[in-house]
Amino acid sequence: MRAGFTLLILCLSALYAYWAFTDLDFLSSTGRLGPGFFPRIVGIALILACLVELTFGLVRQSVPPDRSQHAGTVLAVLGMTVLFVMALTVIGGFAAMVAFMLATLTILNRGHLVQNVVLSVSLASVVYLIFDVWLGAAIPRSMLLDRWLT
């Protein structure tokens, strides 16, 4: 089952990488990094990660499979990911990133509230600085804040 899922992700990753290399420009018309820069990196990284997982999966095949007790955690993180995508335009990219990371870290790193808050705020700040400030790619703004300010 695990190998089948990894093969599915590998196929989707290959399609994603193909799209990134064929439809998105590496550089913009001004010579800056274009919309295809990060998708190409992500596509290649996904393909490599899947290939590594498949390789190590062959080694683990001799060990009898066990039933996962993490289905609830996976579903919770999946639900929070859906909420994160929906919250991007409502509360804004930065606030949605902080809330998403804090919520997932609260589940995955229980009992370390201060560490979770520091990681959530600092990682969201780094993402904001990289995309919005350095690359000039706008992070979604808050519809609520825009309405409140106007």
C-alpha atoms as a PDB file:
ATOM      1  CA  MET A   1       0.000   0.000   0.000  1.00  0.00           C
ATOM      2  CA  ARG A   2       2.810   2.385   0.911  1.00  0.00           C
ATOM      3  CA  ALA A   3       4.672   1.748  -2.338  1.00  0.00           C
ATOM      4  CA  GLY A   4       1.483   2.281  -4.336  1.00  0.00           C
ATOM      5  CA  PHE A   5       0.850   5.610  -2.621  1.00  0.00           C
ATOM      6  CA  THR A   6       4.464   6.667  -3.211  1.00  0.00           C
ATOM      7  CA  LEU A   7       4.170   5.695  -6.888  1.00  0.00           C
ATOM      8  CA  LEU A   8       1.002   7.799  -7.155  1.00  0.00           C
ATOM      9  CA  ILE A   9       2.779  10.779  -5.577  1.00  0.00           C
ATOM     10  CA  LEU A  10       5.754  10.179  -7.891  1.00  0.00           C
ATOM     11  CA  CYS A  11       3.476  10.306 -10.946  1.00  0.00           C
ATOM     12  CA  LEU A  12       1.786  13.477  -9.715  1.00  0.00           C
ATOM     13  CA  SER A  13       5.188  14.991  -8.951  1.00  0.00           C
ATOM     14  CA  ALA A  14       6.398  14.168 -12.439  1.00  0.00           C
ATOM     15  CA  LEU A  15       3.318  15.856 -13.931  1.00  0.00           C
ATOM     16  CA  TYR A  16       3.878  18.874 -11.689  1.00  0.00           C
ATOM     17  CA  ALA A  17       7.547  19.095 -12.690  1.00  0.00           C
ATOM     18  CA  TYR A  18       6.623  18.710 -16.376  1.00  0.00           C
ATOM     19  CA  TRP A  19       4.139  21.587 -16.023  1.00  0.00           C
ATOM     20  CA  ALA A  20       6.734  23.718 -14.221  1.00  0.00           C
ATOM     21  CA  PHE A  21       9.350  23.152 -16.921  1.00  0.00           C
ATOM     22  CA  THR A  22       7.082  23.509 -19.960  1.00  0.00           C
ATOM     23  CA  ASP A  23       4.535  26.189 -19.026  1.00  0.00           C
ATOM     24  CA  LEU A  24       6.305  28.439 -16.534  1.00  0.00           C
ATOM     25  CA  ASP A  25       9.210  30.721 -17.384  1.00  0.00           C
ATOM     26  CA  PHE A  26      12.393  30.415 -15.335  1.00  0.00           C
ATOM     27  CA  LEU A  27      13.113  34.140 -15.725  1.00  0.00           C
ATOM     28  CA  SER A  28      10.705  37.025 -16.172  1.00  0.00           C
ATOM     29  CA  SER A  29      10.947  39.525 -19.020  1.00  0.00           C
ATOM     30  CA  THR A  30      12.916  41.847 -16.712  1.00  0.00           C
ATOM     31  CA  GLY A  31      15.532  39.181 -15.991  1.00  0.00           C
ATOM     32  CA  ARG A  32      14.323  38.453 -12.456  1.00  0.00           C
ATOM     33  CA  LEU A  33      13.352  35.014 -11.234  1.00  0.00           C
ATOM     34  CA  GLY A  34      10.128  34.058 -12.927  1.00  0.00           C
ATOM     35  CA  PRO A  35       7.094  32.050 -11.894  1.00  0.00           C
ATOM     36  CA  GLY A  36       8.794  28.771 -12.803  1.00  0.00           C
ATOM     37  CA  PHE A  37      11.769  29.087 -10.456  1.00  0.00           C
ATOM     38  CA  PHE A  38      10.325  27.582  -7.263  1.00  0.00           C
ATOM     39  CA  PRO A  39       7.951  25.103  -8.942  1.00  0.00           C
ATOM     40  CA  ARG A  40      10.920  23.561 -10.757  1.00  0.00           C
ATOM     41  CA  ILE A  41      12.864  23.172  -7.517  1.00  0.00           C
ATOM     42  CA  VAL A  42       9.823  21.741  -5.730  1.00  0.00           C
ATOM     43  CA  GLY A  43       9.044  19.351  -8.597  1.00  0.00           C
ATOM     44  CA  ILE A  44      12.588  17.970  -8.689  1.00  0.00           C
ATOM     45  CA  ALA A  45      12.695  17.692  -4.886  1.00  0.00           C
ATOM     46  CA  LEU A  46       9.388  15.792  -4.854  1.00  0.00           C
ATOM     47  CA  ILE A  47      10.603  13.370  -7.507  1.00  0.00           C
ATOM     48  CA  LEU A  48      13.865  12.754  -5.650  1.00  0.00           C
ATOM     49  CA  ALA A  49      12.054  12.267  -2.333  1.00  0.00           C
ATOM     50  CA  CYS A  50       9.696   9.727  -3.897  1.00  0.00           C
ATOM     51  CA  LEU A  51      12.578   7.837  -5.499  1.00  0.00           C
ATOM     52  CA  VAL A  52      14.448   7.730  -2.178  1.00  0.00           C
ATOM     53  CA  GLU A  53      11.293   6.526  -0.402  1.00  0.00           C
ATOM     54  CA  LEU A  54      10.749   3.798  -2.995  1.00  0.00           C
ATOM     55  CA  THR A  55      14.372   2.680  -2.647  1.00  0.00           C
ATOM     56  CA  PHE A  56      14.207   2.495   1.137  1.00  0.00           C
ATOM     57  CA  GLY A  57      10.776   0.901   0.862  1.00  0.00           C
ATOM     58  CA  LEU A  58      12.308  -2.042  -0.956  1.00  0.00           C
ATOM     59  CA  VAL A  59      14.740  -2.487   1.930  1.00  0.00           C
ATOM     60  CA  ARG A  60      11.914  -2.326   4.506  1.00  0.00           C
ATOM     61  CA  GLN A  61       9.801  -4.837   2.609  1.00  0.00           C
ATOM     62  CA  SER A  62      11.285  -7.727   4.532  1.00  0.00           C
ATOM     63  CA  VAL A  63       9.850  -6.295   7.770  1.00  0.00           C
ATOM     64  CA  PRO A  64       6.182  -7.239   8.354  1.00  0.00           C
ATOM     65  CA  PRO A  65       3.827  -4.252   7.949  1.00  0.00           C
ATOM     66  CA  ASP A  66       2.132  -2.747  10.980  1.00  0.00           C
ATOM     67  CA  ARG A  67      -1.150  -0.894  11.189  1.00  0.00           C
ATOM     68  CA  SER A  68      -0.746   2.845  11.576  1.00  0.00           C
ATOM     69  CA  GLN A  69      -2.186   4.542  14.632  1.00  0.00           C
ATOM     70  CA  HIS A  70      -1.681   7.973  13.097  1.00  0.00           C
ATOM     71  CA  ALA A  71      -4.760   8.152  10.883  1.00  0.00           C
ATOM     72  CA  GLY A  72      -6.414  10.714  13.168  1.00  0.00           C
ATOM     73  CA  THR A  73      -3.335  12.928  13.114  1.00  0.00           C
ATOM     74  CA  VAL A  74      -3.109  12.713   9.332  1.00  0.00           C
ATOM     75  CA  LEU A  75      -6.775  13.654   8.972  1.00  0.00           C
ATOM     76  CA  ALA A  76      -6.378  16.561  11.411  1.00  0.00           C
ATOM     77  CA  VAL A  77      -3.390  17.952   9.496  1.00  0.00           C
ATOM     78  CA  LEU A  78      -5.249  17.454   6.213  1.00  0.00           C
ATOM     79  CA  GLY A  79      -8.222  19.375   7.583  1.00  0.00           C
ATOM     80  CA  MET A  80      -5.980  22.166   8.838  1.00  0.00           C
ATOM     81  CA  THR A  81      -4.342  22.363   5.411  1.00  0.00           C
ATOM     82  CA  VAL A  82      -7.746  22.852   3.784  1.00  0.00           C
ATOM     83  CA  LEU A  83      -8.587  25.533   6.351  1.00  0.00           C
ATOM     84  CA  PHE A  84      -5.215  27.185   5.719  1.00  0.00           C
ATOM     85  CA  VAL A  85      -5.889  27.473   1.986  1.00  0.00           C
ATOM     86  CA  MET A  86      -9.357  28.892   2.648  1.00  0.00           C
ATOM     87  CA  ALA A  87      -7.999  31.352   5.250  1.00  0.00           C
ATOM     88  CA  LEU A  88      -5.265  32.753   2.984  1.00  0.00           C
ATOM     89  CA  THR A  89      -7.432  35.465   1.457  1.00  0.00           C
ATOM     90  CA  VAL A  90      -9.715  35.960   4.454  1.00  0.00           C
ATOM     91  CA  ILE A  91      -7.118  36.669   7.161  1.00  0.00           C
ATOM     92  CA  GLY A  92      -4.087  37.154   4.916  1.00  0.00           C
ATOM     93  CA  GLY A  93      -1.084  35.039   4.046  1.00  0.00           C
ATOM     94  CA  PHE A  94       1.106  35.876   7.014  1.00  0.00           C
ATOM     95  CA  ALA A  95      -1.607  35.363   9.648  1.00  0.00           C
ATOM     96  CA  ALA A  96      -2.795  32.157   7.936  1.00  0.00           C
ATOM     97  CA  MET A  97       0.758  30.780   7.878  1.00  0.00           C
ATOM     98  CA  VAL A  98       1.277  31.535  11.570  1.00  0.00           C
ATOM     99  CA  ALA A  99      -2.092  30.007  12.518  1.00  0.00           C
ATOM    100  CA  PHE A 100      -1.539  26.905  10.359  1.00  0.00           C
ATOM    101  CA  MET A 101       1.958  26.253  11.665  1.00  0.00           C
ATOM    102  CA  LEU A 102       0.912  26.860  15.264  1.00  0.00           C
ATOM    103  CA  ALA A 103      -2.072  24.504  14.925  1.00  0.00           C
ATOM    104  CA  THR A 104      -0.060  21.721  13.281  1.00  0.00           C
ATOM    105  CA  LEU A 105       2.838  22.086  15.687  1.00  0.00           C
ATOM    106  CA  THR A 106       0.423  21.952  18.613  1.00  0.00           C
ATOM    107  CA  ILE A 107      -0.652  18.518  17.402  1.00  0.00           C
ATOM    108  CA  LEU A 108       2.749  17.250  16.248  1.00  0.00           C
ATOM    109  CA  ASN A 109       4.912  18.817  18.987  1.00  0.00           C
ATOM    110  CA  ARG A 110       2.681  18.642  22.067  1.00  0.00           C
ATOM    111  CA  GLY A 111       3.734  20.291  25.285  1.00  0.00           C
ATOM    112  CA  HIS A 112       6.132  22.831  23.742  1.00  0.00           C
ATOM    113  CA  LEU A 113       3.941  25.907  23.410  1.00  0.00           C
ATOM    114  CA  VAL A 114       6.720  28.515  23.524  1.00  0.00           C
ATOM    115  CA  GLN A 115       8.800  26.609  20.975  1.00  0.00           C
ATOM    116  CA  ASN A 116       5.764  26.192  18.721  1.00  0.00           C
ATOM    117  CA  VAL A 117       4.934  29.916  18.846  1.00  0.00           C
ATOM    118  CA  VAL A 118       8.540  30.908  18.134  1.00  0.00           C
ATOM    119  CA  LEU A 119       8.776  28.462  15.212  1.00  0.00           C
ATOM    120  CA  SER A 120       5.422  29.545  13.767  1.00  0.00           C
ATOM    121  CA  VAL A 121       6.163  33.259  13.856  1.00  0.00           C
ATOM    122  CA  SER A 122       9.794  32.960  12.720  1.00  0.00           C
ATOM    123  CA  LEU A 123       9.100  30.548   9.834  1.00  0.00           C
ATOM    124  CA  ALA A 124       6.168  32.649   8.611  1.00  0.00           C
ATOM    125  CA  SER A 125       8.394  35.735   8.825  1.00  0.00           C
ATOM    126  CA  VAL A 126      11.123  34.045   6.787  1.00  0.00           C
ATOM    127  CA  VAL A 127       8.621  32.961   4.127  1.00  0.00           C
ATOM    128  CA  TYR A 128       7.211  36.497   4.024  1.00  0.00           C
ATOM    129  CA  LEU A 129      10.684  38.040   3.695  1.00  0.00           C
ATOM    130  CA  ILE A 130      11.734  35.621   0.951  1.00  0.00           C
ATOM    131  CA  PHE A 131       8.602  35.895  -1.167  1.00  0.00           C
ATOM    132  CA  ASP A 132       7.215  39.369  -0.523  1.00  0.00           C
ATOM    133  CA  VAL A 133      10.378  41.380   0.112  1.00  0.00           C
ATOM    134  CA  TRP A 134      13.191  39.565  -1.704  1.00  0.00           C
ATOM    135  CA  LEU A 135      11.365  38.050  -4.692  1.00  0.00           C
ATOM    136  CA  GLY A 136       8.556  40.598  -4.943  1.00  0.00           C
ATOM    137  CA  ALA A 137       5.882  37.874  -5.091  1.00  0.00           C
ATOM    138  CA  ALA A 138       2.889  39.194  -3.206  1.00  0.00           C
ATOM    139  CA  ILE A 139       1.648  37.257  -0.206  1.00  0.00           C
ATOM    140  CA  PRO A 140      -2.194  37.242  -0.132  1.00  0.00           C
ATOM    141  CA  ARG A 141      -3.639  40.209   1.731  1.00  0.00           C
ATOM    142  CA  SER A 142      -6.476  40.014   4.203  1.00  0.00           C
ATOM    143  CA  MET A 143      -9.961  40.743   2.872  1.00  0.00           C
ATOM    144  CA  LEU A 144     -11.096  41.512   6.420  1.00  0.00           C
ATOM    145  CA  LEU A 145      -8.270  43.970   7.024  1.00  0.00           C
ATOM    146  CA  ASP A 146      -8.819  45.629   3.624  1.00  0.00           C
ATOM    147  CA  ARG A 147     -12.522  46.110   4.403  1.00  0.00           C
ATOM    148  CA  TRP A 148     -11.798  47.394   7.884  1.00  0.00           C
ATOM    149  CA  LEU A 149      -9.232  49.933   6.666  1.00  0.00           C
ATOM    150  CA  THR A 150     -11.421  51.303   3.866  1.00  0.00           C
END
